[in-house]
N, C-alpha and C. Protein backbone atom coordinates (compact mmCIF):
# COMPACT_ATOMS: atom_id res chain seq x y z
N UNK A 1 180.56 67.89 65.23
CA UNK A 1 179.47 67.57 66.14
C UNK A 1 178.16 68.40 65.68
N UNK A 2 176.92 67.67 65.84
CA UNK A 2 175.79 68.16 65.66
C UNK A 2 174.89 68.45 66.97
N UNK A 3 174.70 69.70 67.24
CA UNK A 3 173.84 70.09 68.49
C UNK A 3 172.57 70.39 68.12
N UNK A 4 171.73 70.12 68.98
CA UNK A 4 170.27 70.65 69.12
C UNK A 4 170.13 71.28 70.25
N UNK A 5 169.55 72.59 70.41
CA UNK A 5 169.33 73.46 71.51
C UNK A 5 167.74 73.56 71.77
N UNK A 6 167.46 73.11 72.81
CA UNK A 6 165.97 73.33 73.40
C UNK A 6 165.87 74.28 74.45
N UNK A 7 164.76 74.91 74.58
CA UNK A 7 164.58 75.60 75.77
C UNK A 7 163.59 76.77 75.42
N UNK A 8 162.83 77.12 76.47
CA UNK A 8 161.67 78.15 76.40
C UNK A 8 162.45 79.43 76.04
N UNK A 9 161.55 80.55 75.36
CA UNK A 9 162.13 81.78 75.03
C UNK A 9 162.92 82.47 76.43
N UNK A 10 164.10 83.04 76.04
CA UNK A 10 164.88 83.46 77.19
C UNK A 10 165.79 82.53 77.93
N UNK A 11 165.74 81.32 77.44
CA UNK A 11 166.55 80.35 78.19
C UNK A 11 168.07 80.47 77.89
N UNK A 12 168.40 81.19 76.78
CA UNK A 12 169.66 81.42 76.45
C UNK A 12 170.24 80.47 75.19
N UNK A 13 169.28 80.05 74.46
CA UNK A 13 169.79 79.23 73.44
C UNK A 13 170.73 79.85 72.34
N UNK A 14 170.24 81.16 72.03
CA UNK A 14 170.99 81.89 71.06
C UNK A 14 172.43 82.36 71.59
N UNK A 15 172.52 82.72 72.83
CA UNK A 15 173.78 83.03 73.53
C UNK A 15 174.70 81.85 73.37
N UNK A 16 174.26 80.74 73.91
CA UNK A 16 175.07 79.33 73.93
C UNK A 16 175.25 78.82 72.73
N UNK A 17 174.46 79.18 71.71
CA UNK A 17 174.67 78.79 70.10
C UNK A 17 176.00 79.53 69.83
N UNK A 18 176.04 80.90 70.08
CA UNK A 18 177.08 81.53 69.56
C UNK A 18 178.47 81.28 70.14
N UNK A 19 178.42 80.72 71.44
CA UNK A 19 179.63 80.25 72.23
C UNK A 19 179.89 79.04 71.59
N UNK A 20 179.15 78.23 71.24
CA UNK A 20 179.44 76.78 70.39
C UNK A 20 180.04 77.12 69.14
N UNK A 21 179.54 78.17 68.34
CA UNK A 21 180.17 78.44 67.08
C UNK A 21 181.57 78.88 67.22
N UNK A 22 181.84 79.75 68.27
CA UNK A 22 183.19 80.15 68.67
C UNK A 22 184.24 79.04 68.93
N UNK A 23 183.59 78.04 69.81
CA UNK A 23 184.40 76.93 70.24
C UNK A 23 184.69 76.03 69.18
N UNK A 24 183.69 75.64 68.38
CA UNK A 24 183.70 74.56 67.49
C UNK A 24 183.94 74.84 65.99
N UNK A 25 183.65 76.17 65.66
CA UNK A 25 183.75 76.50 64.27
C UNK A 25 182.84 75.99 63.44
N UNK A 26 181.57 75.89 63.78
CA UNK A 26 180.50 75.35 63.03
C UNK A 26 179.36 76.34 63.04
N UNK A 27 178.49 76.17 62.00
CA UNK A 27 177.43 77.12 61.79
C UNK A 27 176.18 77.00 62.76
N UNK A 28 175.61 78.05 63.21
CA UNK A 28 174.44 78.12 63.81
C UNK A 28 173.16 78.26 62.85
N UNK A 29 172.26 77.21 63.00
CA UNK A 29 171.11 77.31 62.05
C UNK A 29 169.79 77.58 62.88
N UNK A 30 169.23 78.80 62.65
CA UNK A 30 167.91 78.99 63.14
C UNK A 30 166.90 78.99 62.08
N UNK A 31 165.65 78.71 62.32
CA UNK A 31 164.55 78.78 61.35
C UNK A 31 164.43 80.25 60.77
N UNK A 32 164.45 81.16 61.85
CA UNK A 32 164.22 82.64 61.34
C UNK A 32 165.24 82.98 60.53
N UNK A 33 166.62 82.67 60.72
CA UNK A 33 167.72 83.22 59.87
C UNK A 33 167.57 82.55 58.50
N UNK A 34 167.18 81.11 58.53
CA UNK A 34 167.07 80.50 57.26
C UNK A 34 165.92 80.93 56.45
N UNK A 35 164.77 81.35 57.05
CA UNK A 35 163.71 81.92 56.53
C UNK A 35 164.14 83.39 55.67
N UNK A 36 164.73 84.28 56.50
CA UNK A 36 164.99 85.53 56.00
C UNK A 36 166.04 85.34 54.94
N UNK A 37 167.08 84.55 54.88
CA UNK A 37 167.88 84.22 53.87
C UNK A 37 167.39 83.77 52.67
N UNK A 38 166.33 82.94 52.65
CA UNK A 38 165.64 82.42 51.41
C UNK A 38 164.78 83.64 50.95
N UNK A 39 164.14 84.27 51.72
CA UNK A 39 163.34 85.42 51.12
C UNK A 39 164.43 86.57 50.41
N UNK A 40 165.43 86.86 51.13
CA UNK A 40 166.36 87.82 50.75
C UNK A 40 166.92 87.23 49.42
N UNK A 41 167.27 86.00 49.22
CA UNK A 41 167.94 85.55 47.93
C UNK A 41 167.00 85.25 46.82
N UNK A 42 165.65 85.40 47.24
CA UNK A 42 164.66 85.14 46.19
C UNK A 42 164.61 83.75 45.70
N UNK A 43 164.77 82.63 46.49
CA UNK A 43 164.82 81.25 46.11
C UNK A 43 163.22 80.96 45.99
N UNK A 44 163.12 79.85 45.33
CA UNK A 44 161.72 79.38 45.13
C UNK A 44 161.01 79.16 46.47
N UNK A 45 161.72 78.69 47.37
CA UNK A 45 161.01 78.57 48.76
C UNK A 45 160.96 79.87 49.48
N UNK A 46 161.81 80.68 49.20
CA UNK A 46 161.65 82.06 49.82
C UNK A 46 160.55 82.74 49.27
N UNK A 47 160.23 82.65 47.84
CA UNK A 47 159.28 83.48 47.27
C UNK A 47 157.82 82.68 47.96
N UNK A 48 157.87 81.49 48.01
CA UNK A 48 156.57 80.80 48.53
C UNK A 48 156.38 81.30 49.83
N UNK A 49 157.46 81.33 50.74
CA UNK A 49 157.37 81.77 52.08
C UNK A 49 156.76 83.11 52.20
N UNK A 50 157.38 84.05 51.40
CA UNK A 50 156.96 85.53 51.58
C UNK A 50 155.54 85.53 51.13
N UNK A 51 154.93 84.78 50.22
CA UNK A 51 153.58 84.97 49.72
C UNK A 51 152.66 84.51 50.97
N UNK A 52 153.11 83.35 51.70
CA UNK A 52 152.31 83.06 52.91
C UNK A 52 152.40 84.03 53.98
N UNK A 53 153.52 84.59 54.15
CA UNK A 53 153.73 85.68 55.13
C UNK A 53 152.87 86.80 54.82
N UNK A 54 152.89 87.29 53.59
CA UNK A 54 152.21 88.61 53.10
C UNK A 54 150.70 88.22 53.32
N UNK A 55 150.32 87.08 53.25
CA UNK A 55 148.85 86.67 53.35
C UNK A 55 148.36 86.53 54.84
N UNK A 56 149.33 86.55 55.61
CA UNK A 56 149.09 86.25 57.17
C UNK A 56 149.07 84.91 57.41
N UNK A 57 149.57 83.97 56.62
CA UNK A 57 149.41 82.48 56.88
C UNK A 57 150.52 81.89 57.73
N UNK A 58 150.42 80.92 58.49
CA UNK A 58 151.58 80.30 59.06
C UNK A 58 152.38 79.42 57.98
N UNK A 59 153.54 79.34 58.15
CA UNK A 59 154.32 78.63 57.12
C UNK A 59 154.00 77.17 57.36
N UNK A 60 154.09 76.35 56.47
CA UNK A 60 153.84 74.94 56.49
C UNK A 60 155.03 74.01 57.01
N UNK A 61 154.99 72.89 57.76
CA UNK A 61 156.14 72.24 58.07
C UNK A 61 156.90 71.81 56.89
N UNK A 62 156.27 71.46 55.75
CA UNK A 62 156.91 71.07 54.49
C UNK A 62 157.78 72.08 53.99
N UNK A 63 157.34 73.32 54.17
CA UNK A 63 158.26 74.55 53.55
C UNK A 63 159.38 74.69 54.49
N UNK A 64 159.16 74.67 55.77
CA UNK A 64 160.30 74.84 56.60
C UNK A 64 161.37 73.60 56.45
N UNK A 65 160.98 72.38 56.44
CA UNK A 65 161.68 71.25 56.36
C UNK A 65 162.58 71.30 55.03
N UNK A 66 161.89 71.64 53.81
CA UNK A 66 162.63 71.85 52.47
C UNK A 66 163.56 72.80 52.66
N UNK A 67 163.53 73.86 53.33
CA UNK A 67 164.46 74.90 53.64
C UNK A 67 165.63 74.24 54.38
N UNK A 68 165.34 73.53 55.43
CA UNK A 68 166.35 72.93 56.32
C UNK A 68 167.13 71.86 55.59
N UNK A 69 166.59 71.21 54.61
CA UNK A 69 167.03 70.22 53.73
C UNK A 69 168.17 70.87 52.95
N UNK A 70 167.80 72.03 52.28
CA UNK A 70 168.91 72.81 51.37
C UNK A 70 170.00 73.17 52.17
N UNK A 71 169.59 73.66 53.54
CA UNK A 71 170.66 74.26 54.36
C UNK A 71 171.68 73.20 54.70
N UNK A 72 171.17 72.09 55.10
CA UNK A 72 172.01 70.83 55.51
C UNK A 72 173.07 70.33 54.50
N UNK A 73 172.58 70.47 53.15
CA UNK A 73 173.41 70.07 52.26
C UNK A 73 174.57 70.99 51.84
N UNK A 74 174.76 72.06 52.56
CA UNK A 74 175.75 73.10 52.11
C UNK A 74 177.17 72.68 52.98
N UNK A 75 178.18 72.86 52.24
CA UNK A 75 179.52 72.48 52.60
C UNK A 75 179.91 72.86 54.11
N UNK A 76 179.23 73.92 54.64
CA UNK A 76 179.83 74.30 55.92
C UNK A 76 179.13 73.63 56.99
N UNK A 77 178.26 72.69 56.67
CA UNK A 77 177.47 71.76 57.63
C UNK A 77 178.16 70.37 57.71
N UNK A 78 179.06 70.15 56.85
CA UNK A 78 179.69 68.89 56.72
C UNK A 78 180.37 68.44 57.96
N UNK A 79 180.97 69.31 58.90
CA UNK A 79 181.61 69.00 59.98
C UNK A 79 180.75 69.22 61.41
N UNK A 80 179.52 69.76 61.18
CA UNK A 80 178.66 69.66 62.28
C UNK A 80 177.92 71.15 62.06
N UNK A 81 176.83 71.38 63.09
CA UNK A 81 176.12 72.66 63.07
C UNK A 81 175.36 72.59 64.34
N UNK A 82 174.65 73.81 64.59
CA UNK A 82 173.88 73.96 65.84
C UNK A 82 172.41 74.21 65.49
N UNK A 83 171.55 73.65 65.78
CA UNK A 83 170.35 73.88 65.44
C UNK A 83 169.71 74.56 66.70
N UNK A 84 169.32 75.90 66.41
CA UNK A 84 168.65 76.71 67.54
C UNK A 84 167.21 77.15 67.10
N UNK A 85 166.42 76.54 67.89
CA UNK A 85 164.92 76.74 67.62
C UNK A 85 164.37 75.98 66.67
N UNK A 86 164.99 74.96 66.32
CA UNK A 86 164.30 73.95 65.52
C UNK A 86 164.82 72.55 65.86
N UNK A 87 163.95 71.59 65.81
CA UNK A 87 162.63 71.72 65.52
C UNK A 87 161.69 72.23 66.67
N UNK A 88 160.48 72.67 66.23
CA UNK A 88 159.56 73.35 67.21
C UNK A 88 158.43 72.45 67.78
N UNK A 89 158.34 71.26 67.06
CA UNK A 89 157.19 70.48 67.38
C UNK A 89 157.75 69.05 67.33
N UNK A 90 157.06 68.02 67.71
CA UNK A 90 157.51 66.48 67.65
C UNK A 90 157.27 66.12 66.14
N UNK A 91 156.36 66.54 65.32
CA UNK A 91 156.17 66.53 63.92
C UNK A 91 157.50 66.91 63.16
N UNK A 92 157.94 68.09 63.47
CA UNK A 92 159.24 68.67 63.04
C UNK A 92 160.34 67.82 63.36
N UNK A 93 160.38 67.19 64.62
CA UNK A 93 161.39 66.35 65.11
C UNK A 93 161.60 65.18 64.37
N UNK A 94 160.40 64.58 64.03
CA UNK A 94 160.43 63.38 63.26
C UNK A 94 160.79 63.58 61.73
N UNK A 95 160.49 64.62 61.18
CA UNK A 95 160.88 65.00 59.96
C UNK A 95 162.37 65.25 59.90
N UNK A 96 162.88 65.95 60.91
CA UNK A 96 164.45 66.12 61.03
C UNK A 96 165.21 64.73 60.99
N UNK A 97 164.49 63.68 61.74
CA UNK A 97 165.14 62.42 61.80
C UNK A 97 165.42 61.94 60.42
N UNK A 98 164.46 61.98 59.54
CA UNK A 98 164.48 61.65 58.10
C UNK A 98 165.59 62.54 57.35
N UNK A 99 165.57 63.72 57.56
CA UNK A 99 166.62 64.76 56.93
C UNK A 99 168.02 64.28 57.11
N UNK A 100 168.21 64.11 58.56
CA UNK A 100 169.55 63.72 59.02
C UNK A 100 170.07 62.36 58.34
N UNK A 101 169.11 61.39 58.35
CA UNK A 101 169.45 60.24 57.73
C UNK A 101 169.67 60.35 56.24
N UNK A 102 168.99 61.10 55.54
CA UNK A 102 169.19 61.42 54.15
C UNK A 102 170.52 61.96 53.92
N UNK A 103 171.13 62.93 54.70
CA UNK A 103 172.49 63.38 54.72
C UNK A 103 173.34 62.80 55.20
N UNK A 104 173.23 61.52 55.65
CA UNK A 104 174.26 60.66 56.45
C UNK A 104 174.72 61.31 57.71
N UNK A 105 173.90 61.93 58.43
CA UNK A 105 174.32 62.62 59.65
C UNK A 105 173.43 62.06 60.74
N UNK A 106 174.01 62.39 62.13
CA UNK A 106 173.20 62.15 63.38
C UNK A 106 173.41 63.16 64.44
N UNK A 107 172.50 63.13 65.28
CA UNK A 107 172.73 64.24 66.37
C UNK A 107 173.64 63.63 67.16
N UNK A 108 174.54 64.56 67.99
CA UNK A 108 175.35 64.28 68.95
C UNK A 108 174.89 64.57 70.42
N UNK A 109 174.28 65.84 70.48
CA UNK A 109 173.89 66.26 71.72
C UNK A 109 172.54 67.20 71.56
N UNK A 110 171.47 66.90 72.36
CA UNK A 110 170.45 67.64 72.54
C UNK A 110 170.32 68.22 73.99
N UNK A 111 170.54 69.35 73.87
CA UNK A 111 170.78 70.13 75.11
C UNK A 111 169.52 71.07 75.31
N UNK A 112 168.87 70.80 76.51
CA UNK A 112 167.70 71.41 76.98
C UNK A 112 167.89 72.29 78.10
N UNK A 113 167.90 73.70 77.87
CA UNK A 113 168.18 74.76 78.83
C UNK A 113 166.91 74.78 79.65
N UNK A 114 167.07 74.52 81.03
CA UNK A 114 165.94 74.60 81.97
C UNK A 114 166.11 75.84 82.86
N UNK A 115 165.16 76.63 82.78
CA UNK A 115 165.34 78.01 83.61
C UNK A 115 163.87 78.11 84.15
N UNK A 116 163.78 78.69 85.38
CA UNK A 116 162.54 78.97 85.97
C UNK A 116 161.74 80.07 85.25
N UNK A 117 160.38 79.98 85.34
CA UNK A 117 159.66 80.99 84.69
C UNK A 117 160.00 82.43 85.02
N UNK A 118 160.03 82.62 86.28
CA UNK A 118 160.29 84.11 86.86
C UNK A 118 161.65 84.58 86.23
N UNK A 119 162.62 83.78 86.19
CA UNK A 119 163.92 84.17 85.74
C UNK A 119 163.78 84.41 84.08
N UNK A 120 163.01 83.73 83.38
CA UNK A 120 162.92 83.94 82.00
C UNK A 120 162.33 85.24 81.71
N UNK A 121 161.17 85.67 82.45
CA UNK A 121 160.43 86.99 82.55
C UNK A 121 161.53 88.13 82.66
N UNK A 122 162.47 87.97 83.62
CA UNK A 122 163.41 88.89 84.00
C UNK A 122 164.42 89.15 82.76
N UNK A 123 164.74 88.04 82.36
CA UNK A 123 165.77 88.12 81.19
C UNK A 123 165.11 88.62 79.85
N UNK A 124 163.95 88.14 79.59
CA UNK A 124 163.42 88.82 78.20
C UNK A 124 162.88 90.24 78.31
N UNK A 125 162.62 90.81 79.40
CA UNK A 125 162.11 92.28 79.44
C UNK A 125 163.31 93.12 79.54
N UNK A 126 164.61 92.60 79.71
CA UNK A 126 165.58 93.48 79.42
C UNK A 126 166.67 93.02 78.34
N UNK A 127 166.04 92.37 77.53
CA UNK A 127 166.91 91.82 76.35
C UNK A 127 167.07 92.73 75.34
N UNK A 128 168.45 92.94 74.78
CA UNK A 128 168.82 93.56 73.56
C UNK A 128 169.30 92.75 72.55
N UNK A 129 168.98 92.90 71.23
CA UNK A 129 169.33 92.11 70.17
C UNK A 129 170.05 92.80 69.15
N UNK A 130 171.11 92.16 68.65
CA UNK A 130 171.55 92.94 67.26
C UNK A 130 170.83 92.29 66.04
N UNK A 131 170.26 93.26 65.16
CA UNK A 131 169.55 92.95 64.02
C UNK A 131 170.25 92.57 62.80
N UNK A 132 171.57 92.61 62.91
CA UNK A 132 172.35 92.45 61.66
C UNK A 132 172.43 91.10 61.34
N UNK A 133 172.21 90.69 60.13
CA UNK A 133 172.30 89.47 59.58
C UNK A 133 173.63 88.61 59.70
N UNK A 134 173.75 87.50 60.31
CA UNK A 134 175.05 86.90 60.53
C UNK A 134 175.69 87.19 61.79
N UNK A 135 175.16 88.17 62.48
CA UNK A 135 175.65 88.56 63.80
C UNK A 135 174.68 87.93 64.92
N UNK A 136 173.60 88.72 65.00
CA UNK A 136 172.59 88.25 65.93
C UNK A 136 173.03 88.05 67.49
N UNK A 137 173.99 88.89 67.87
CA UNK A 137 174.53 88.83 69.18
C UNK A 137 173.31 89.30 70.28
N UNK A 138 173.28 88.75 71.34
CA UNK A 138 172.22 88.98 72.40
C UNK A 138 172.91 89.76 73.58
N UNK A 139 172.28 90.69 74.13
CA UNK A 139 172.89 91.50 75.37
C UNK A 139 171.56 91.58 76.44
N UNK A 140 171.88 91.96 77.64
CA UNK A 140 170.95 92.29 78.42
C UNK A 140 171.36 93.43 79.38
N UNK A 141 170.43 94.29 79.55
CA UNK A 141 170.54 95.54 80.26
C UNK A 141 171.29 95.32 81.61
N UNK A 142 170.95 94.37 82.29
CA UNK A 142 171.55 94.08 83.62
C UNK A 142 172.67 93.09 83.63
N UNK A 143 172.38 91.90 83.16
CA UNK A 143 173.42 90.73 83.28
C UNK A 143 174.43 90.85 82.25
N UNK A 144 174.21 91.29 81.00
CA UNK A 144 175.25 91.42 80.00
C UNK A 144 175.04 92.53 79.15
N UNK A 145 175.29 93.72 79.63
CA UNK A 145 175.16 94.85 78.86
C UNK A 145 176.36 95.09 77.82
N UNK A 146 176.07 95.70 76.72
CA UNK A 146 177.13 96.08 75.79
C UNK A 146 178.08 97.00 76.40
N UNK A 147 179.33 96.94 75.83
CA UNK A 147 180.30 97.91 76.28
C UNK A 147 179.87 99.39 76.15
N UNK A 148 179.38 99.71 74.97
CA UNK A 148 178.72 101.01 74.76
C UNK A 148 177.35 100.71 74.69
N UNK A 149 176.68 101.66 75.33
CA UNK A 149 175.24 101.58 75.49
C UNK A 149 174.46 101.62 74.30
N UNK A 150 173.72 100.66 73.85
CA UNK A 150 173.03 100.54 72.65
C UNK A 150 173.64 100.14 71.34
N UNK A 151 174.94 99.71 71.54
CA UNK A 151 175.79 99.25 70.48
C UNK A 151 176.42 97.76 70.60
N UNK A 152 176.18 97.06 69.51
CA UNK A 152 176.77 95.67 69.50
C UNK A 152 178.44 95.62 69.68
N UNK A 153 178.84 94.99 70.61
CA UNK A 153 180.11 94.78 70.94
C UNK A 153 180.84 94.15 69.63
N UNK A 154 180.24 93.24 68.88
CA UNK A 154 180.78 92.47 68.01
C UNK A 154 180.93 93.32 66.47
N UNK A 155 179.82 93.85 66.18
CA UNK A 155 179.91 94.48 64.82
C UNK A 155 179.47 95.85 64.81
N UNK A 156 179.05 96.54 65.98
CA UNK A 156 178.89 98.05 66.01
C UNK A 156 177.39 98.46 65.49
N UNK A 157 176.63 97.45 65.28
CA UNK A 157 175.26 97.94 64.86
C UNK A 157 174.57 98.43 65.88
N UNK A 158 173.56 99.11 65.80
CA UNK A 158 172.55 99.56 66.91
C UNK A 158 171.69 98.41 67.35
N UNK A 159 171.71 98.31 68.68
CA UNK A 159 170.92 97.33 69.21
C UNK A 159 169.46 97.54 69.27
N UNK A 160 168.46 96.57 69.34
CA UNK A 160 166.93 96.86 69.39
C UNK A 160 166.47 96.01 70.50
N UNK A 161 165.35 96.32 70.97
CA UNK A 161 164.39 95.59 72.00
C UNK A 161 163.35 95.07 70.96
N UNK A 162 163.18 93.83 70.87
CA UNK A 162 162.19 93.14 70.19
C UNK A 162 160.83 93.46 70.61
N UNK A 163 159.97 93.78 69.79
CA UNK A 163 158.45 94.19 69.97
C UNK A 163 157.86 93.27 70.80
N UNK A 164 158.22 91.98 70.83
CA UNK A 164 157.37 90.95 71.56
C UNK A 164 158.06 90.72 72.88
N UNK A 165 159.06 91.44 73.42
CA UNK A 165 159.64 91.27 74.56
C UNK A 165 159.10 92.23 75.55
N UNK A 166 157.67 91.78 75.89
CA UNK A 166 156.92 92.40 76.86
C UNK A 166 156.40 91.36 77.76
N UNK A 167 155.89 91.48 79.07
CA UNK A 167 155.43 90.42 79.82
C UNK A 167 154.25 89.61 79.33
N UNK A 168 153.48 90.35 78.73
CA UNK A 168 151.99 89.61 78.42
C UNK A 168 152.38 88.80 77.16
N UNK A 169 153.23 89.29 76.16
CA UNK A 169 153.37 88.44 74.99
C UNK A 169 154.42 87.28 75.48
N UNK A 170 155.20 87.57 76.27
CA UNK A 170 156.20 86.57 76.79
C UNK A 170 155.39 85.47 77.44
N UNK A 171 154.54 85.73 78.41
CA UNK A 171 153.81 84.75 78.93
C UNK A 171 153.16 83.86 77.90
N UNK A 172 152.54 84.41 76.89
CA UNK A 172 151.74 83.65 75.78
C UNK A 172 152.75 82.80 75.07
N UNK A 173 153.93 83.22 74.90
CA UNK A 173 154.98 82.57 74.06
C UNK A 173 155.46 81.42 75.07
N UNK A 174 155.40 81.44 76.51
CA UNK A 174 155.84 80.32 77.21
C UNK A 174 154.61 79.30 77.31
N UNK A 175 153.46 79.80 77.07
CA UNK A 175 152.39 78.66 77.06
C UNK A 175 152.28 77.96 75.69
N UNK A 176 152.66 78.78 74.60
CA UNK A 176 152.75 78.05 73.35
C UNK A 176 154.09 76.92 73.39
N UNK A 177 155.21 77.51 73.93
CA UNK A 177 156.41 76.72 74.07
C UNK A 177 155.90 75.16 74.79
N UNK A 178 155.25 75.47 76.05
CA UNK A 178 155.08 74.33 76.87
C UNK A 178 154.03 73.29 76.12
N UNK A 179 153.21 73.82 75.28
CA UNK A 179 152.21 72.99 74.62
C UNK A 179 152.78 72.31 73.34
N UNK A 180 153.60 73.08 72.68
CA UNK A 180 154.03 72.66 71.29
C UNK A 180 155.50 72.12 71.37
N UNK A 181 156.25 72.63 71.98
CA UNK A 181 157.82 72.45 71.78
C UNK A 181 158.25 71.43 73.08
N UNK A 182 157.81 71.70 74.29
CA UNK A 182 158.33 71.00 75.53
C UNK A 182 158.00 69.50 75.17
N UNK A 183 157.09 68.97 74.42
CA UNK A 183 157.02 67.49 74.38
C UNK A 183 158.28 66.95 73.65
N UNK A 184 158.96 67.73 72.95
CA UNK A 184 160.31 67.17 72.23
C UNK A 184 161.34 66.52 73.28
N UNK A 185 161.05 67.13 74.52
CA UNK A 185 162.12 66.52 75.57
C UNK A 185 161.81 65.06 75.67
N UNK A 186 160.61 64.60 75.83
CA UNK A 186 160.26 63.20 75.88
C UNK A 186 160.73 62.62 74.58
N UNK A 187 160.50 63.13 73.42
CA UNK A 187 160.82 62.60 72.12
C UNK A 187 162.46 62.22 72.23
N UNK A 188 163.01 63.02 72.62
CA UNK A 188 164.58 62.80 72.67
C UNK A 188 165.30 62.08 73.82
N UNK A 189 164.40 62.22 75.02
CA UNK A 189 164.98 61.79 76.14
C UNK A 189 165.44 60.32 76.05
N UNK A 190 164.72 59.48 75.26
CA UNK A 190 164.95 58.10 75.07
C UNK A 190 165.96 57.78 74.08
N UNK A 191 166.62 58.85 73.36
CA UNK A 191 167.85 58.69 72.59
C UNK A 191 169.10 58.60 73.11
N UNK A 192 169.35 58.90 74.41
CA UNK A 192 170.65 58.83 75.01
C UNK A 192 171.55 59.94 74.74
N UNK A 193 170.86 60.86 74.00
CA UNK A 193 171.70 62.09 73.65
C UNK A 193 171.10 63.48 74.12
N UNK A 194 170.17 63.13 75.01
CA UNK A 194 169.34 64.17 75.63
C UNK A 194 170.05 64.68 76.89
N UNK A 195 170.23 65.88 77.09
CA UNK A 195 170.84 66.44 78.31
C UNK A 195 170.39 67.66 78.98
N UNK A 196 169.92 67.74 80.08
CA UNK A 196 169.44 69.05 80.60
C UNK A 196 170.40 69.91 81.34
N UNK A 197 170.43 71.22 81.09
CA UNK A 197 171.27 72.10 81.37
C UNK A 197 170.37 73.06 82.38
N UNK A 198 170.55 72.78 83.60
CA UNK A 198 169.68 73.53 84.65
C UNK A 198 170.17 74.68 85.27
N UNK A 199 169.32 75.77 85.34
CA UNK A 199 169.69 77.00 86.09
C UNK A 199 168.64 77.28 87.28
N UNK A 200 169.11 77.13 88.40
CA UNK A 200 168.24 77.29 89.59
C UNK A 200 167.91 78.73 89.94
N UNK A 201 168.64 79.66 89.44
CA UNK A 201 168.63 81.00 89.54
C UNK A 201 169.34 81.81 88.87
N UNK A 202 169.50 83.21 88.90
CA UNK A 202 170.27 83.95 87.96
C UNK A 202 171.83 83.34 87.77
N UNK A 203 172.14 83.36 86.59
CA UNK A 203 173.40 82.63 86.10
C UNK A 203 174.07 83.51 84.98
N UNK A 204 175.31 83.42 84.93
CA UNK A 204 176.11 83.95 83.82
C UNK A 204 175.80 83.13 82.40
N UNK A 205 176.13 83.77 81.30
CA UNK A 205 176.23 82.96 80.20
C UNK A 205 177.54 81.95 80.16
N UNK A 206 178.77 82.62 80.90
CA UNK A 206 180.00 81.80 81.09
C UNK A 206 179.58 80.60 81.79
N UNK A 207 178.88 80.75 83.05
CA UNK A 207 178.63 79.60 83.81
C UNK A 207 177.74 78.41 83.36
N UNK A 208 176.80 78.92 82.26
CA UNK A 208 176.09 77.92 81.61
C UNK A 208 176.80 77.27 80.75
N UNK A 209 177.69 77.95 80.02
CA UNK A 209 178.58 77.35 78.90
C UNK A 209 179.66 76.38 79.53
N UNK A 210 179.90 76.48 80.72
CA UNK A 210 180.94 75.77 81.50
C UNK A 210 180.16 74.40 81.68
N UNK A 211 178.92 74.53 81.97
CA UNK A 211 178.06 73.34 82.09
C UNK A 211 177.91 72.53 80.81
N UNK A 212 177.83 73.26 79.72
CA UNK A 212 177.64 72.76 78.41
C UNK A 212 178.89 71.82 78.03
N UNK A 213 180.08 72.58 78.44
CA UNK A 213 181.28 71.78 78.06
C UNK A 213 181.40 70.72 78.70
N UNK A 214 181.01 70.59 80.06
CA UNK A 214 181.29 69.58 80.96
C UNK A 214 180.39 68.43 80.27
N UNK A 215 179.21 68.55 79.79
CA UNK A 215 178.28 67.63 79.21
C UNK A 215 178.95 67.04 77.92
N UNK A 216 179.38 67.81 77.13
CA UNK A 216 180.09 67.55 75.93
C UNK A 216 181.41 66.75 76.14
N UNK A 217 182.14 67.16 77.29
CA UNK A 217 183.39 66.42 77.72
C UNK A 217 183.10 65.00 78.09
N UNK A 218 182.04 64.75 78.65
CA UNK A 218 181.64 63.29 78.94
C UNK A 218 181.43 62.30 77.99
């Protein structure tokens, strides 16, 4: 199965992606991880991306799409995968349609995690992240604390608070999301594969995942 996860920063895409990985044994693909892997491995695209980043430039859609093209061609994607944080714009969504067609693939589920802004702010200001490549586990000081303070339950790596997890930056990220990424909802709504996973107030990752499985089961 091929999943796409949509949602504002703090909506829980990363946490739910990990649960889908565990449930279905398919890889999670995020633009950030893909970019870091290409830079680390010194691929042609990675070298190009690093030059752009070092110059303070935004990465072009073409560069990101080419990285995604290479990733979808790998063997572990043949049984399905989870797109976490990609596409970010309607233009990228249109390009993705072409990529999937090229690889003989099709989306099964577009899951949009709908969370009130007040709840998003509360989640992000207490978020803890595992920085280890390939783990990327997420915790929260209140709702999902690690078993040992400051240490990842999964791999033992020290947890970090992202520098952009402060209220002013978060509000700006929400503005960007609403203007650039939220239009993807309408783009996919007509596909018949779009489903909203709604949260009216504080919820647990397990409760949200139960709703995801209910949607998939239908």
